[in-house]
Amino acid sequence: MQSILIAIALLATPDFPAAIQRDLNLGSPPRCSVCHATDSGGAGTVVQPFGTYLLSRGLRAFDESSLQNALLAAAGENHSSNAQGVLDIDALKGGLNPNAPSGSVGGDLTPAYGCSSSGPANVLPVLGLAILLCARRRAREIADGRHPDS
């Protein structure tokens, strides 16, 4: 049972760049590096000013509603992570990195891998869950006499 819960938790991991894209109606999702140290993302790597600001406004891992609330706070508080007056939300909508100095494009903000769904998917949890569910179904069918091997 514990393995099923772990697999479900891994499947439930939100795609924060896609959620930011959806919530702010962006043309493409931002790179993971607008919050994380690198595009690899990961726990404990939120070091960028925009990311630490979102954390200070209640952002929690695996919780897209907390992300939405933190983005609403950024919009409502007119927050600027670059300390030069460009608002975070305006920067993202303009395809800019909210941490970068005013007027500088933070490169292509479309994520290439890491915390984004555009990278290679980790199918091991899904495969493990599928195998477990098939094995349990087969065991039940054998026990009930409904399987050809019984």
C-alpha atoms as a PDB file:
ATOM      1  CA  MET A   1       0.000   0.000   0.000  1.00  0.00           C
ATOM      2  CA  GLN A   2       2.848   2.381   0.832  1.00  0.00           C
ATOM      3  CA  SER A   3       4.327   1.941  -2.676  1.00  0.00           C
ATOM      4  CA  ILE A   4       0.990   2.975  -4.203  1.00  0.00           C
ATOM      5  CA  LEU A   5       0.925   6.146  -2.089  1.00  0.00           C
ATOM      6  CA  ILE A   6       4.488   7.002  -3.092  1.00  0.00           C
ATOM      7  CA  ALA A   7       3.678   6.453  -6.773  1.00  0.00           C
ATOM      8  CA  ILE A   8       0.553   8.596  -6.502  1.00  0.00           C
ATOM      9  CA  ALA A   9       2.515  11.374  -4.751  1.00  0.00           C
ATOM     10  CA  LEU A  10       5.077  11.338  -7.556  1.00  0.00           C
ATOM     11  CA  LEU A  11       2.340  11.516 -10.172  1.00  0.00           C
ATOM     12  CA  ALA A  12       0.687  14.418  -8.362  1.00  0.00           C
ATOM     13  CA  THR A  13       3.783  16.640  -8.573  1.00  0.00           C
ATOM     14  CA  PRO A  14       2.589  19.882 -10.156  1.00  0.00           C
ATOM     15  CA  ASP A  15       4.170  21.424 -13.202  1.00  0.00           C
ATOM     16  CA  PHE A  16       4.752  24.908 -11.835  1.00  0.00           C
ATOM     17  CA  PRO A  17       6.005  26.478 -15.106  1.00  0.00           C
ATOM     18  CA  ALA A  18       2.853  25.312 -16.897  1.00  0.00           C
ATOM     19  CA  ALA A  19       0.727  26.520 -13.973  1.00  0.00           C
ATOM     20  CA  ILE A  20       2.383  29.961 -14.158  1.00  0.00           C
ATOM     21  CA  GLN A  21       1.757  29.988 -17.905  1.00  0.00           C
ATOM     22  CA  ARG A  22      -1.913  29.126 -17.364  1.00  0.00           C
ATOM     23  CA  ASP A  23      -2.482  31.494 -14.435  1.00  0.00           C
ATOM     24  CA  LEU A  24      -0.830  34.477 -16.150  1.00  0.00           C
ATOM     25  CA  ASN A  25      -1.992  33.590 -19.675  1.00  0.00           C
ATOM     26  CA  LEU A  26       1.581  33.506 -21.014  1.00  0.00           C
ATOM     27  CA  GLY A  27       2.523  32.393 -24.502  1.00  0.00           C
ATOM     28  CA  SER A  28       4.989  29.848 -23.096  1.00  0.00           C
ATOM     29  CA  PRO A  29       5.930  28.663 -19.617  1.00  0.00           C
ATOM     30  CA  PRO A  30       8.842  30.378 -17.877  1.00  0.00           C
ATOM     31  CA  ARG A  31      12.121  28.562 -17.260  1.00  0.00           C
ATOM     32  CA  CYS A  32      12.579  26.834 -13.924  1.00  0.00           C
ATOM     33  CA  SER A  33      15.539  29.166 -13.327  1.00  0.00           C
ATOM     34  CA  VAL A  34      13.214  32.136 -12.680  1.00  0.00           C
ATOM     35  CA  CYS A  35      12.871  30.551  -9.220  1.00  0.00           C
ATOM     36  CA  HIS A  36      15.566  27.850  -8.982  1.00  0.00           C
ATOM     37  CA  ALA A  37      19.357  28.025  -9.166  1.00  0.00           C
ATOM     38  CA  THR A  38      19.294  26.022 -12.421  1.00  0.00           C
ATOM     39  CA  ASP A  39      16.766  24.653 -14.899  1.00  0.00           C
ATOM     40  CA  SER A  40      17.080  21.291 -13.161  1.00  0.00           C
ATOM     41  CA  GLY A  41      14.924  22.650 -10.340  1.00  0.00           C
ATOM     42  CA  GLY A  42      14.564  20.441  -7.299  1.00  0.00           C
ATOM     43  CA  ALA A  43      14.045  20.728  -3.574  1.00  0.00           C
ATOM     44  CA  GLY A  44      16.174  23.306  -1.812  1.00  0.00           C
ATOM     45  CA  THR A  45      17.218  25.111  -5.003  1.00  0.00           C
ATOM     46  CA  VAL A  46      14.803  28.053  -4.913  1.00  0.00           C
ATOM     47  CA  VAL A  47      17.366  30.854  -4.593  1.00  0.00           C
ATOM     48  CA  GLN A  48      16.310  33.447  -7.166  1.00  0.00           C
ATOM     49  CA  PRO A  49      14.655  36.611  -5.774  1.00  0.00           C
ATOM     50  CA  PHE A  50      11.351  35.857  -7.533  1.00  0.00           C
ATOM     51  CA  GLY A  51      11.275  32.321  -6.140  1.00  0.00           C
ATOM     52  CA  THR A  52      12.135  33.361  -2.586  1.00  0.00           C
ATOM     53  CA  TYR A  53       9.443  36.035  -2.781  1.00  0.00           C
ATOM     54  CA  LEU A  54       6.856  33.419  -3.807  1.00  0.00           C
ATOM     55  CA  LEU A  55       7.982  31.229  -0.891  1.00  0.00           C
ATOM     56  CA  SER A  56       7.507  34.183   1.456  1.00  0.00           C
ATOM     57  CA  ARG A  57       3.930  34.451   0.178  1.00  0.00           C
ATOM     58  CA  GLY A  58       3.058  30.860   1.033  1.00  0.00           C
ATOM     59  CA  LEU A  59       4.257  28.860  -1.974  1.00  0.00           C
ATOM     60  CA  ARG A  60       4.516  25.170  -1.044  1.00  0.00           C
ATOM     61  CA  ALA A  61       5.928  22.317  -3.083  1.00  0.00           C
ATOM     62  CA  PHE A  62       3.320  20.088  -4.744  1.00  0.00           C
ATOM     63  CA  ASP A  63       0.566  22.697  -4.219  1.00  0.00           C
ATOM     64  CA  GLU A  64      -0.567  24.612  -7.308  1.00  0.00           C
ATOM     65  CA  SER A  65      -3.172  26.561  -5.324  1.00  0.00           C
ATOM     66  CA  SER A  66      -0.391  27.980  -3.128  1.00  0.00           C
ATOM     67  CA  LEU A  67       1.418  29.014  -6.330  1.00  0.00           C
ATOM     68  CA  GLN A  68      -1.704  30.746  -7.611  1.00  0.00           C
ATOM     69  CA  ASN A  69      -2.090  32.602  -4.294  1.00  0.00           C
ATOM     70  CA  ALA A  70       1.572  33.662  -4.323  1.00  0.00           C
ATOM     71  CA  LEU A  71       1.208  34.972  -7.891  1.00  0.00           C
ATOM     72  CA  LEU A  72      -1.903  36.900  -6.836  1.00  0.00           C
ATOM     73  CA  ALA A  73       0.121  38.396  -3.980  1.00  0.00           C
ATOM     74  CA  ALA A  74       2.869  39.429  -6.412  1.00  0.00           C
ATOM     75  CA  ALA A  75       0.296  41.146  -8.620  1.00  0.00           C
ATOM     76  CA  GLY A  76      -1.556  42.763  -5.716  1.00  0.00           C
ATOM     77  CA  GLU A  77       1.613  43.997  -4.017  1.00  0.00           C
ATOM     78  CA  ASN A  78       3.173  45.198  -7.291  1.00  0.00           C
ATOM     79  CA  HIS A  79       6.294  43.261  -6.373  1.00  0.00           C
ATOM     80  CA  SER A  80       9.539  43.755  -8.284  1.00  0.00           C
ATOM     81  CA  SER A  81      12.273  41.165  -7.799  1.00  0.00           C
ATOM     82  CA  ASN A  82      14.799  43.012  -9.932  1.00  0.00           C
ATOM     83  CA  ALA A  83      14.848  46.070  -7.633  1.00  0.00           C
ATOM     84  CA  GLN A  84      14.517  48.329 -10.667  1.00  0.00           C
ATOM     85  CA  GLY A  85      10.772  48.762 -10.794  1.00  0.00           C
ATOM     86  CA  VAL A  86       9.790  46.174 -13.408  1.00  0.00           C
ATOM     87  CA  LEU A  87       6.959  44.280 -11.765  1.00  0.00           C
ATOM     88  CA  ASP A  88       7.391  40.505 -11.634  1.00  0.00           C
ATOM     89  CA  ILE A  89       4.086  39.773 -13.328  1.00  0.00           C
ATOM     90  CA  ASP A  90       4.735  42.365 -16.056  1.00  0.00           C
ATOM     91  CA  ALA A  91       8.202  40.911 -16.666  1.00  0.00           C
ATOM     92  CA  LEU A  92       6.819  37.385 -17.046  1.00  0.00           C
ATOM     93  CA  LYS A  93       4.060  38.583 -19.365  1.00  0.00           C
ATOM     94  CA  GLY A  94       6.694  40.389 -21.435  1.00  0.00           C
ATOM     95  CA  GLY A  95       8.832  37.272 -21.748  1.00  0.00           C
ATOM     96  CA  LEU A  96      11.432  38.707 -19.384  1.00  0.00           C
ATOM     97  CA  ASN A  97      13.132  37.183 -16.393  1.00  0.00           C
ATOM     98  CA  PRO A  98      11.661  38.937 -13.319  1.00  0.00           C
ATOM     99  CA  ASN A  99      15.066  38.691 -11.589  1.00  0.00           C
ATOM    100  CA  ALA A 100      17.005  40.368 -14.426  1.00  0.00           C
ATOM    101  CA  PRO A 101      17.835  44.070 -14.540  1.00  0.00           C
ATOM    102  CA  SER A 102      15.282  46.305 -16.214  1.00  0.00           C
ATOM    103  CA  GLY A 103      15.065  45.877 -19.954  1.00  0.00           C
ATOM    104  CA  SER A 104      17.206  42.748 -20.188  1.00  0.00           C
ATOM    105  CA  VAL A 105      15.670  39.643 -21.619  1.00  0.00           C
ATOM    106  CA  GLY A 106      16.414  36.623 -19.479  1.00  0.00           C
ATOM    107  CA  GLY A 107      17.008  34.503 -22.558  1.00  0.00           C
ATOM    108  CA  ASP A 108      14.471  32.026 -23.806  1.00  0.00           C
ATOM    109  CA  LEU A 109      12.149  31.574 -20.841  1.00  0.00           C
ATOM    110  CA  THR A 110      10.769  28.295 -22.214  1.00  0.00           C
ATOM    111  CA  PRO A 111      11.998  25.451 -20.012  1.00  0.00           C
ATOM    112  CA  ALA A 112      14.023  22.754 -21.710  1.00  0.00           C
ATOM    113  CA  TYR A 113      14.087  20.130 -18.963  1.00  0.00           C
ATOM    114  CA  GLY A 114      13.866  19.738 -15.189  1.00  0.00           C
ATOM    115  CA  CYS A 115      10.718  20.854 -13.426  1.00  0.00           C
ATOM    116  CA  SER A 116       8.873  21.292 -16.715  1.00  0.00           C
ATOM    117  CA  SER A 117       6.698  18.799 -18.504  1.00  0.00           C
ATOM    118  CA  SER A 118       8.531  19.537 -21.740  1.00  0.00           C
ATOM    119  CA  GLY A 119      11.468  17.398 -20.601  1.00  0.00           C
ATOM    120  CA  PRO A 120      11.679  13.614 -20.580  1.00  0.00           C
ATOM    121  CA  ALA A 121       8.995  12.123 -18.384  1.00  0.00           C
ATOM    122  CA  ASN A 122       9.890   9.859 -15.489  1.00  0.00           C
ATOM    123  CA  VAL A 123       7.699   6.894 -16.337  1.00  0.00           C
ATOM    124  CA  LEU A 124       9.077   4.569 -13.651  1.00  0.00           C
ATOM    125  CA  PRO A 125       6.468   5.515 -11.020  1.00  0.00           C
ATOM    126  CA  VAL A 126       3.679   5.087 -13.580  1.00  0.00           C
ATOM    127  CA  LEU A 127       5.082   1.767 -14.764  1.00  0.00           C
ATOM    128  CA  GLY A 128       5.507   0.532 -11.176  1.00  0.00           C
ATOM    129  CA  LEU A 129       1.951   1.469 -10.307  1.00  0.00           C
ATOM    130  CA  ALA A 130       0.596  -0.222 -13.456  1.00  0.00           C
ATOM    131  CA  ILE A 131       2.486  -3.441 -12.704  1.00  0.00           C
ATOM    132  CA  LEU A 132       1.287  -3.427  -9.108  1.00  0.00           C
ATOM    133  CA  LEU A 133      -2.342  -2.882 -10.108  1.00  0.00           C
ATOM    134  CA  CYS A 134      -2.210  -5.610 -12.782  1.00  0.00           C
ATOM    135  CA  ALA A 135      -0.671  -8.076 -10.328  1.00  0.00           C
ATOM    136  CA  ARG A 136      -3.337  -7.326  -7.724  1.00  0.00           C
ATOM    137  CA  ARG A 137      -6.104  -7.719 -10.316  1.00  0.00           C
ATOM    138  CA  ARG A 138      -4.693 -11.045 -11.490  1.00  0.00           C
ATOM    139  CA  ALA A 139      -4.399 -12.291  -7.899  1.00  0.00           C
ATOM    140  CA  ARG A 140      -8.051 -11.375  -7.253  1.00  0.00           C
ATOM    141  CA  GLU A 141      -9.200 -13.103 -10.450  1.00  0.00           C
ATOM    142  CA  ILE A 142      -7.291 -16.257  -9.522  1.00  0.00           C
ATOM    143  CA  ALA A 143      -8.716 -16.188  -5.988  1.00  0.00           C
ATOM    144  CA  ASP A 144     -12.244 -15.765  -7.372  1.00  0.00           C
ATOM    145  CA  GLY A 145     -11.749 -18.497  -9.970  1.00  0.00           C
ATOM    146  CA  ARG A 146     -12.227 -16.071 -12.895  1.00  0.00           C
ATOM    147  CA  HIS A 147      -8.714 -16.292 -14.325  1.00  0.00           C
ATOM    148  CA  PRO A 148      -7.755 -18.933 -16.946  1.00  0.00           C
ATOM    149  CA  ASP A 149      -4.784 -19.991 -14.760  1.00  0.00           C
ATOM    150  CA  SER A 150      -7.030 -20.933 -11.822  1.00  0.00           C
END
